[in-house]
Amino acid sequence: MSRNTVPRSSPSPLPVAQSQAKWPAVGALAFTLFGLVASELIPIGLIPPMAADLDVSGGAAGQAITATAVVAAITGPLLVLTSSRVERQKVMWLLCLFFLAATSLSALATSLPLLLIARALLGVALGGTWAMAIALAMRLVPEASVPRALAVIFTGVSIANIIAAPVGAWLSDLLSWRTAFALSAGFALVALIGQIATIPSLPAAAPPTLNSFRATLRRPAIFVGLVTTFLVLCGNTAGIAFLRPYLEGGALDINLISGVLLVFGISGFLGNLAGGSLSARSPAITAGGGALAIAIGTAVLASQGQVTALVIAATALWGLGFGAFPVAISSWNAKAAPDQAESAGAILSTAFQVAIASGGVVGGILIDSLGAAAPIHSAAAAAAMGAAVMLLIGRRWETRETAA
């Protein structure tokens, strides 16, 4: 994400509660999101050892990602709609306790159902925190400092995208997959301590209503963005969740696989930075271009998985596209509904999680029924369709809006 996620000109849905910026609290929120996103993504590098230890298929183990995303998709909007009377500081502490409980239980899980329960608890923490992050940033700093605060917060997300999969794969090979989840529990504990120490009292403010959600969903540009988001992120998740099994089938050792996953993360971070700059000029072209890069990278990877140099190059292109896409689609979403920023943000957050959950299910079915390359092929096809929607339909709307 980047400072372009919420335009500087968008009306703030919440009043700024502090006369001076509370940067330590912003840092605590950034670390919390870093830990949550890292914990959501860490199973990407753990699926084979988890499947072996729990005596399930790789596709079944991959549902550890799906469980988190499904619950997060439901929790985010519900929290926004129902927590109008709850002090925000206390809500964040409670969500962090869910984070700690979820990661601790994941490290101790002895069966797939228990692991899925733990991952569902993580979804509560993730969905709730995502839904409140931007609104909290707007209350922790003066209005002029909001873009900088958002940049700090979403830098944590970018770092999590870089380290989660490769660190998880490395720890599972060095010690065990449970060690990776224990590290996540450590993140949760630090996040909770940081929040208690820094986040001030924030009286609740009125959240969006059902009417504002309905009005936002009726806008054609919002619908175009949601369709593009679903296609691209569903395909991307199906591919990235089962990338390690695919690479292992190509006879790559664990050290090289960890390196490939690291390349994906670093490229994603660079794509995030580029996407922020390019989205200021054209969110449609940037989102469509990011989706196209995902499609090309995964198509090459699926057909050339035995050639190490091409695997690295294709993964780097994939990472660049994926890094740019969330920033661009968030900017598109904000531009499509600048007067309903919080409703639009909650809807997009849900779309993200639904797409991730669907991708985990689709990828699991494909790998179990058609083989390790099938999820990668599906990522290429879905991303290509998403690119077409945004570049052909979305760009036309954007051009009309610019001309007007």
Protein backbone atom coordinates (compact mmCIF):
# COMPACT_ATOMS: atom_id res chain seq x y z
CA MET A 1 0.00 0.00 0.00
CA SER A 2 1.04 3.60 -0.22
CA ARG A 3 0.03 7.12 0.63
CA ASN A 4 -2.18 7.05 -2.44
CA THR A 5 -4.55 4.61 -0.77
CA VAL A 6 -6.67 7.53 0.47
CA PRO A 7 -6.35 10.73 -1.57
CA ARG A 8 -5.36 13.87 0.25
CA SER A 9 -8.53 15.54 -0.94
CA SER A 10 -10.93 12.84 0.32
CA PRO A 11 -13.17 13.93 3.17
CA SER A 12 -12.21 12.40 6.47
CA PRO A 13 -14.99 10.17 7.86
CA LEU A 14 -13.76 10.74 11.41
CA PRO A 15 -12.62 13.85 13.26
CA VAL A 16 -8.98 14.19 14.18
CA ALA A 17 -8.99 13.56 17.91
CA GLN A 18 -5.44 14.69 18.62
CA SER A 19 -4.00 18.19 18.30
CA GLN A 20 -0.52 16.72 17.92
CA ALA A 21 0.58 13.69 15.95
CA LYS A 22 0.82 10.49 17.97
CA TRP A 23 3.60 8.88 15.94
CA PRO A 24 4.42 6.12 18.48
CA ALA A 25 0.80 4.97 18.21
CA VAL A 26 1.04 5.06 14.41
CA GLY A 27 4.17 2.92 14.69
CA ALA A 28 2.36 0.45 16.96
CA LEU A 29 -0.48 0.19 14.46
CA ALA A 30 2.01 -0.33 11.63
CA PHE A 31 3.72 -3.13 13.56
CA THR A 32 0.37 -4.75 14.34
CA LEU A 33 -0.57 -4.85 10.67
CA PHE A 34 2.90 -6.10 9.82
CA GLY A 35 2.48 -8.99 12.25
CA LEU A 36 -1.05 -9.79 11.13
CA VAL A 37 -0.24 -9.84 7.42
CA ALA A 38 2.94 -11.84 8.02
CA SER A 39 0.91 -14.36 10.04
CA GLU A 40 -1.74 -14.54 7.32
CA LEU A 41 0.86 -15.24 4.63
CA ILE A 42 3.33 -17.40 6.52
CA PRO A 43 1.59 -20.70 5.59
CA ILE A 44 2.61 -20.08 1.97
CA GLY A 45 6.06 -21.40 2.85
CA LEU A 46 4.77 -24.14 5.19
CA ILE A 47 2.22 -26.17 3.24
CA PRO A 48 4.30 -29.32 2.52
CA PRO A 49 5.59 -29.82 6.11
CA MET A 50 2.19 -28.90 7.61
CA ALA A 51 0.46 -31.40 5.33
CA ALA A 52 2.95 -34.13 6.23
CA ASP A 53 2.79 -33.50 9.98
CA LEU A 54 -1.02 -33.27 10.11
CA ASP A 55 -1.45 -36.19 7.68
CA VAL A 56 -3.56 -34.27 5.14
CA SER A 57 -3.19 -33.35 1.48
CA GLY A 58 -1.41 -30.21 0.35
CA GLY A 59 -4.72 -28.78 -0.83
CA ALA A 60 -6.29 -29.33 2.59
CA ALA A 61 -3.34 -27.72 4.38
CA GLY A 62 -3.65 -24.73 2.07
CA GLN A 63 -7.05 -23.98 3.59
CA ALA A 64 -5.17 -22.50 6.55
CA ILE A 65 -4.97 -19.42 4.32
CA THR A 66 -8.61 -19.67 3.28
CA ALA A 67 -9.93 -19.86 6.85
CA THR A 68 -8.25 -16.60 7.81
CA ALA A 69 -9.46 -14.79 4.71
CA VAL A 70 -13.09 -15.97 5.01
CA VAL A 71 -13.43 -14.82 8.61
CA ALA A 72 -11.59 -11.54 7.91
CA ALA A 73 -14.00 -10.78 5.06
CA ILE A 74 -16.96 -11.11 7.41
CA THR A 75 -15.41 -9.48 10.46
CA GLY A 76 -14.27 -6.21 8.87
CA PRO A 77 -17.65 -4.80 7.78
CA LEU A 78 -19.43 -6.17 10.86
CA LEU A 79 -16.98 -4.42 13.15
CA VAL A 80 -17.36 -1.15 11.27
CA LEU A 81 -21.15 -1.38 11.45
CA THR A 82 -21.60 -2.58 15.04
CA SER A 83 -18.87 -1.00 17.14
CA SER A 84 -20.14 2.59 17.21
CA ARG A 85 -20.31 2.73 21.02
CA VAL A 86 -17.05 0.97 21.87
CA GLU A 87 -13.90 2.93 22.74
CA ARG A 88 -11.42 2.35 19.90
CA GLN A 89 -8.42 1.82 22.14
CA LYS A 90 -10.18 -1.12 23.81
CA VAL A 91 -11.29 -2.57 20.46
CA MET A 92 -7.70 -2.60 19.23
CA TRP A 93 -6.47 -4.27 22.43
CA LEU A 94 -9.13 -6.96 22.09
CA LEU A 95 -8.22 -7.60 18.46
CA CYS A 96 -4.57 -7.93 19.46
CA LEU A 97 -5.52 -10.51 22.10
CA PHE A 98 -7.28 -12.49 19.37
CA PHE A 99 -4.06 -12.20 17.34
CA LEU A 100 -1.99 -13.61 20.22
CA ALA A 101 -4.44 -16.44 20.91
CA ALA A 102 -4.66 -17.40 17.23
CA THR A 103 -0.93 -17.61 16.62
CA SER A 104 -0.27 -19.47 19.87
CA LEU A 105 -2.95 -22.03 19.05
CA SER A 106 -1.59 -22.41 15.50
CA ALA A 107 1.83 -23.32 16.88
CA LEU A 108 0.27 -25.97 19.12
CA ALA A 109 -2.32 -27.41 16.70
CA THR A 110 -2.22 -31.20 16.42
CA SER A 111 -4.93 -31.59 13.77
CA LEU A 112 -6.21 -29.73 10.73
CA PRO A 113 -9.55 -28.74 12.38
CA LEU A 114 -7.69 -27.22 15.32
CA LEU A 115 -5.37 -25.35 12.99
CA LEU A 116 -8.33 -24.01 11.00
CA ILE A 117 -10.00 -22.79 14.20
CA ALA A 118 -6.81 -20.95 15.12
CA ARG A 119 -6.58 -19.43 11.66
CA ALA A 120 -10.22 -18.31 11.89
CA LEU A 121 -9.37 -16.46 15.12
CA LEU A 122 -6.56 -14.76 13.22
CA GLY A 123 -9.16 -13.70 10.64
CA VAL A 124 -11.11 -11.88 13.38
CA ALA A 125 -8.02 -9.88 14.32
CA LEU A 126 -7.00 -9.25 10.72
CA GLY A 127 -10.43 -8.22 9.43
CA GLY A 128 -11.11 -5.93 12.36
CA THR A 129 -7.73 -4.24 12.26
CA TRP A 130 -7.82 -3.73 8.49
CA ALA A 131 -11.29 -2.20 8.72
CA MET A 132 -10.18 0.32 11.36
CA ALA A 133 -6.61 1.10 10.27
CA ILE A 134 -7.21 4.08 8.00
CA ALA A 135 -9.86 5.63 10.25
CA LEU A 136 -7.52 5.31 13.25
CA ALA A 137 -4.67 6.92 11.35
CA MET A 138 -6.93 9.88 10.61
CA ARG A 139 -7.50 10.33 14.35
CA LEU A 140 -3.92 9.82 15.52
CA VAL A 141 -2.42 12.66 13.48
CA PRO A 142 -3.56 16.07 12.18
CA GLU A 143 -5.12 16.10 8.73
CA ALA A 144 -1.99 17.34 7.00
CA SER A 145 -0.01 14.37 8.35
CA VAL A 146 -2.49 11.64 7.35
CA PRO A 147 -0.73 10.69 4.07
CA ARG A 148 2.56 10.27 5.93
CA ALA A 149 0.87 8.19 8.64
CA LEU A 150 -0.69 5.90 6.03
CA ALA A 151 2.69 5.50 4.35
CA VAL A 152 4.18 4.38 7.68
CA ILE A 153 1.33 1.95 8.35
CA PHE A 154 1.38 0.30 4.94
CA THR A 155 5.15 0.05 4.90
CA GLY A 156 4.62 -2.60 7.58
CA VAL A 157 2.35 -4.48 5.19
CA SER A 158 4.96 -4.32 2.43
CA ILE A 159 7.67 -5.67 4.72
CA ALA A 160 5.38 -8.51 5.78
CA ASN A 161 4.83 -9.41 2.14
CA ILE A 162 8.60 -9.67 1.73
CA ILE A 163 9.53 -11.78 4.73
CA ALA A 164 6.52 -14.01 5.50
CA ALA A 165 6.86 -16.77 2.93
CA PRO A 166 10.69 -17.07 2.78
CA VAL A 167 11.15 -16.84 6.56
CA GLY A 168 8.41 -19.41 7.08
CA ALA A 169 10.01 -21.82 4.59
CA TRP A 170 13.46 -21.30 6.13
CA LEU A 171 12.26 -21.86 9.70
CA SER A 172 10.28 -24.95 8.74
CA ASP A 173 13.40 -26.47 7.19
CA LEU A 174 15.70 -25.41 10.04
CA LEU A 175 13.40 -26.31 12.95
CA SER A 176 9.72 -26.94 12.20
CA TRP A 177 6.64 -25.26 10.79
CA ARG A 178 5.43 -24.74 14.35
CA THR A 179 8.42 -22.48 14.98
CA ALA A 180 7.17 -20.12 12.27
CA PHE A 181 3.83 -19.78 14.04
CA ALA A 182 5.60 -19.32 17.37
CA LEU A 183 7.43 -16.37 15.79
CA SER A 184 4.04 -14.97 14.81
CA ALA A 185 2.92 -15.26 18.42
CA GLY A 186 5.98 -13.21 19.37
CA PHE A 187 4.89 -10.54 16.88
CA ALA A 188 1.44 -10.51 18.49
CA LEU A 189 2.86 -10.06 21.98
CA VAL A 190 5.08 -7.16 20.91
CA ALA A 191 2.14 -5.57 19.08
CA LEU A 192 -0.08 -5.81 22.15
CA ILE A 193 2.56 -4.26 24.41
CA GLY A 194 3.15 -1.50 21.86
CA GLN A 195 -0.54 -0.69 21.62
CA ILE A 196 -1.03 -0.59 25.39
CA ALA A 197 1.94 1.73 25.72
CA THR A 198 1.11 4.15 22.91
CA ILE A 199 -2.48 4.21 21.65
CA PRO A 200 -4.44 6.96 23.44
CA SER A 201 -8.08 6.91 24.43
CA LEU A 202 -10.18 7.31 21.27
CA PRO A 203 -13.91 7.70 21.89
CA ALA A 204 -16.01 5.88 19.32
CA ALA A 205 -17.33 7.78 16.30
CA ALA A 206 -20.28 6.92 14.10
CA PRO A 207 -19.39 4.26 11.48
CA PRO A 208 -20.94 4.00 8.00
CA THR A 209 -24.54 2.80 7.75
CA LEU A 210 -26.10 0.10 5.61
CA ASN A 211 -27.48 2.84 3.37
CA SER A 212 -24.00 4.22 2.71
CA PHE A 213 -22.78 0.73 1.82
CA ARG A 214 -25.69 0.24 -0.59
CA ALA A 215 -25.15 3.64 -2.22
CA THR A 216 -21.46 2.91 -2.72
CA LEU A 217 -22.10 -0.50 -4.26
CA ARG A 218 -24.45 1.03 -6.85
CA ARG A 219 -21.64 3.01 -8.46
CA PRO A 220 -20.45 1.38 -11.72
CA ALA A 221 -16.81 2.27 -11.13
CA ILE A 222 -16.88 0.55 -7.73
CA PHE A 223 -18.32 -2.56 -9.38
CA VAL A 224 -15.58 -2.56 -12.03
CA GLY A 225 -12.96 -2.31 -9.29
CA LEU A 226 -14.51 -5.16 -7.29
CA VAL A 227 -14.65 -7.48 -10.34
CA THR A 228 -11.03 -6.71 -11.16
CA THR A 229 -9.99 -7.23 -7.53
CA PHE A 230 -11.72 -10.59 -7.30
CA LEU A 231 -10.25 -11.95 -10.53
CA VAL A 232 -6.70 -10.79 -9.88
CA LEU A 233 -6.43 -11.65 -6.19
CA CYS A 234 -8.29 -14.94 -6.48
CA GLY A 235 -5.91 -16.10 -9.19
CA ASN A 236 -2.88 -14.67 -7.43
CA THR A 237 -3.71 -16.49 -4.19
CA ALA A 238 -4.33 -19.78 -5.96
CA GLY A 239 -0.87 -19.47 -7.48
CA ILE A 240 1.19 -18.11 -4.60
CA ALA A 241 -0.35 -20.40 -1.97
CA PHE A 242 0.86 -23.45 -3.87
CA LEU A 243 4.05 -22.04 -5.37
CA ARG A 244 6.32 -24.04 -3.06
CA PRO A 245 4.86 -27.45 -4.03
CA TYR A 246 5.17 -26.47 -7.68
CA LEU A 247 8.81 -25.42 -7.27
CA GLU A 248 9.62 -28.59 -5.32
CA GLY A 249 8.23 -30.58 -8.26
CA GLY A 250 10.75 -28.80 -10.44
CA ALA A 251 13.58 -30.26 -8.31
CA LEU A 252 14.53 -26.96 -6.62
CA ASP A 253 16.00 -27.38 -3.14
CA ILE A 254 14.60 -25.58 -0.11
CA ASN A 255 17.32 -22.92 -0.07
CA LEU A 256 16.62 -21.95 -3.67
CA ILE A 257 12.87 -22.02 -3.06
CA SER A 258 13.32 -19.67 -0.10
CA GLY A 259 15.37 -17.43 -2.37
CA VAL A 260 12.64 -17.42 -5.03
CA LEU A 261 10.04 -16.49 -2.42
CA LEU A 262 12.33 -13.71 -1.22
CA VAL A 263 12.62 -12.44 -4.80
CA PHE A 264 8.83 -12.34 -4.94
CA GLY A 265 8.68 -10.33 -1.72
CA ILE A 266 11.39 -7.82 -2.66
CA SER A 267 9.84 -7.33 -6.10
CA GLY A 268 6.48 -6.82 -4.42
CA PHE A 269 7.93 -4.10 -2.24
CA LEU A 270 9.40 -2.33 -5.28
CA GLY A 271 6.10 -2.74 -7.10
CA ASN A 272 4.36 -1.19 -4.11
CA LEU A 273 6.56 1.91 -4.36
CA ALA A 274 6.14 2.16 -8.13
CA GLY A 275 2.40 1.60 -7.88
CA GLY A 276 2.03 4.49 -5.46
CA SER A 277 3.72 6.90 -7.85
CA LEU A 278 2.02 5.66 -11.02
CA SER A 279 -1.44 5.49 -9.46
CA ALA A 280 -1.37 9.24 -8.91
CA ARG A 281 -1.45 9.59 -12.70
CA SER A 282 -3.74 6.71 -13.67
CA PRO A 283 -5.08 4.10 -11.22
CA ALA A 284 -6.70 2.20 -14.10
CA ILE A 285 -3.51 1.80 -16.13
CA THR A 286 -1.48 0.96 -13.03
CA ALA A 287 -3.97 -1.64 -11.77
CA GLY A 288 -4.41 -3.12 -15.24
CA GLY A 289 -0.67 -3.11 -15.84
CA GLY A 290 -0.02 -4.81 -12.51
CA ALA A 291 -2.57 -7.49 -13.35
CA LEU A 292 -0.97 -7.98 -16.77
CA ALA A 293 2.47 -8.39 -15.16
CA ILE A 294 1.02 -11.08 -12.87
CA ALA A 295 -0.50 -12.84 -15.87
CA ILE A 296 2.74 -12.85 -17.88
CA GLY A 297 4.92 -13.83 -14.92
CA THR A 298 2.74 -16.77 -13.90
CA ALA A 299 2.28 -17.94 -17.48
CA VAL A 300 6.06 -18.09 -17.97
CA LEU A 301 6.55 -19.75 -14.59
CA ALA A 302 3.94 -22.42 -15.31
CA SER A 303 5.57 -23.36 -18.62
CA GLN A 304 9.25 -22.98 -17.63
CA GLY A 305 9.37 -24.31 -14.07
CA GLN A 306 12.48 -26.40 -14.78
CA VAL A 307 14.67 -23.45 -15.82
CA THR A 308 16.03 -21.71 -12.72
CA ALA A 309 16.85 -18.38 -14.38
CA LEU A 310 13.39 -18.12 -15.91
CA VAL A 311 11.77 -19.12 -12.62
CA ILE A 312 13.54 -16.25 -10.87
CA ALA A 313 12.77 -13.72 -13.63
CA ALA A 314 9.11 -14.75 -13.88
CA THR A 315 8.68 -14.65 -10.11
CA ALA A 316 10.22 -11.17 -10.01
CA LEU A 317 7.77 -9.92 -12.67
CA TRP A 318 4.91 -11.55 -10.79
CA GLY A 319 5.99 -9.84 -7.57
CA LEU A 320 6.24 -6.43 -9.24
CA GLY A 321 2.73 -6.75 -10.60
CA PHE A 322 1.29 -7.97 -7.33
CA GLY A 323 3.03 -5.19 -5.37
CA ALA A 324 1.60 -2.49 -7.62
CA PHE A 325 -1.92 -3.88 -7.89
CA PRO A 326 -3.30 -3.36 -4.32
CA VAL A 327 -2.03 0.22 -4.24
CA ALA A 328 -3.55 0.99 -7.63
CA ILE A 329 -6.91 -0.64 -6.97
CA SER A 330 -7.16 1.17 -3.61
CA SER A 331 -6.53 4.48 -5.38
CA TRP A 332 -9.12 3.54 -8.01
CA ASN A 333 -11.61 2.71 -5.27
CA ALA A 334 -11.08 6.01 -3.45
CA LYS A 335 -11.39 7.97 -6.70
CA ALA A 336 -14.63 6.17 -7.53
CA ALA A 337 -16.26 7.15 -4.21
CA PRO A 338 -14.41 10.09 -2.63
CA ASP A 339 -17.47 11.07 -0.60
CA GLN A 340 -17.88 7.56 0.87
CA ALA A 341 -14.25 6.78 1.65
CA GLU A 342 -14.83 4.60 4.71
CA SER A 343 -17.69 2.59 3.16
CA ALA A 344 -15.69 2.09 -0.03
CA GLY A 345 -12.65 1.04 1.97
CA ALA A 346 -14.60 -1.53 4.00
CA ILE A 347 -16.15 -2.96 0.84
CA LEU A 348 -12.76 -3.25 -0.85
CA SER A 349 -11.26 -4.89 2.24
CA THR A 350 -14.02 -7.51 2.13
CA ALA A 351 -13.44 -8.06 -1.59
CA PHE A 352 -9.75 -8.64 -0.90
CA GLN A 353 -10.49 -11.30 1.70
CA VAL A 354 -13.22 -13.02 -0.34
CA ALA A 355 -10.84 -13.21 -3.29
CA ILE A 356 -8.05 -14.61 -1.12
CA ALA A 357 -10.38 -17.19 0.41
CA SER A 358 -11.70 -18.21 -3.01
CA GLY A 359 -8.18 -18.47 -4.38
CA GLY A 360 -7.17 -20.80 -1.57
CA VAL A 361 -10.15 -23.07 -2.28
CA VAL A 362 -9.64 -23.04 -6.05
CA GLY A 363 -5.91 -23.65 -5.73
CA GLY A 364 -6.46 -26.53 -3.31
CA ILE A 365 -8.93 -28.22 -5.65
CA LEU A 366 -6.69 -27.72 -8.67
CA ILE A 367 -3.50 -29.02 -7.07
CA ASP A 368 -5.24 -32.11 -5.71
CA SER A 369 -7.04 -32.91 -8.97
CA LEU A 370 -4.82 -31.61 -11.79
CA GLY A 371 -1.32 -31.34 -10.34
CA ALA A 372 1.10 -28.74 -9.01
CA ALA A 373 1.17 -26.56 -12.14
CA ALA A 374 -2.62 -26.07 -12.30
CA PRO A 375 -2.85 -23.28 -9.66
CA ILE A 376 -0.11 -21.34 -11.47
CA HIS A 377 -1.96 -21.65 -14.78
CA SER A 378 -5.17 -20.47 -13.09
CA ALA A 379 -3.34 -17.40 -11.73
CA ALA A 380 -2.28 -16.45 -15.27
CA ALA A 381 -5.80 -16.84 -16.69
CA ALA A 382 -7.57 -14.95 -13.89
CA ALA A 383 -5.06 -12.08 -13.85
CA ALA A 384 -5.35 -11.71 -17.64
CA MET A 385 -9.14 -11.39 -17.33
CA GLY A 386 -8.77 -8.83 -14.56
CA ALA A 387 -6.33 -6.81 -16.65
CA ALA A 388 -8.79 -6.81 -19.55
CA VAL A 389 -11.65 -5.54 -17.35
CA MET A 390 -9.64 -2.65 -15.98
CA LEU A 391 -7.79 -1.65 -19.15
CA LEU A 392 -10.83 -1.87 -21.45
CA ILE A 393 -13.71 -0.82 -19.19
CA GLY A 394 -12.09 0.93 -16.24
CA ARG A 395 -9.78 3.04 -18.35
CA ARG A 396 -12.74 4.29 -20.40
CA TRP A 397 -14.51 5.47 -17.23
CA GLU A 398 -11.33 7.07 -15.93
CA THR A 399 -10.83 8.97 -19.19
CA ARG A 400 -14.40 10.32 -19.08
CA GLU A 401 -13.98 11.43 -15.46
CA THR A 402 -10.69 13.17 -16.25
CA ALA A 403 -12.24 14.97 -19.22
CA ALA A 404 -15.21 16.07 -17.11
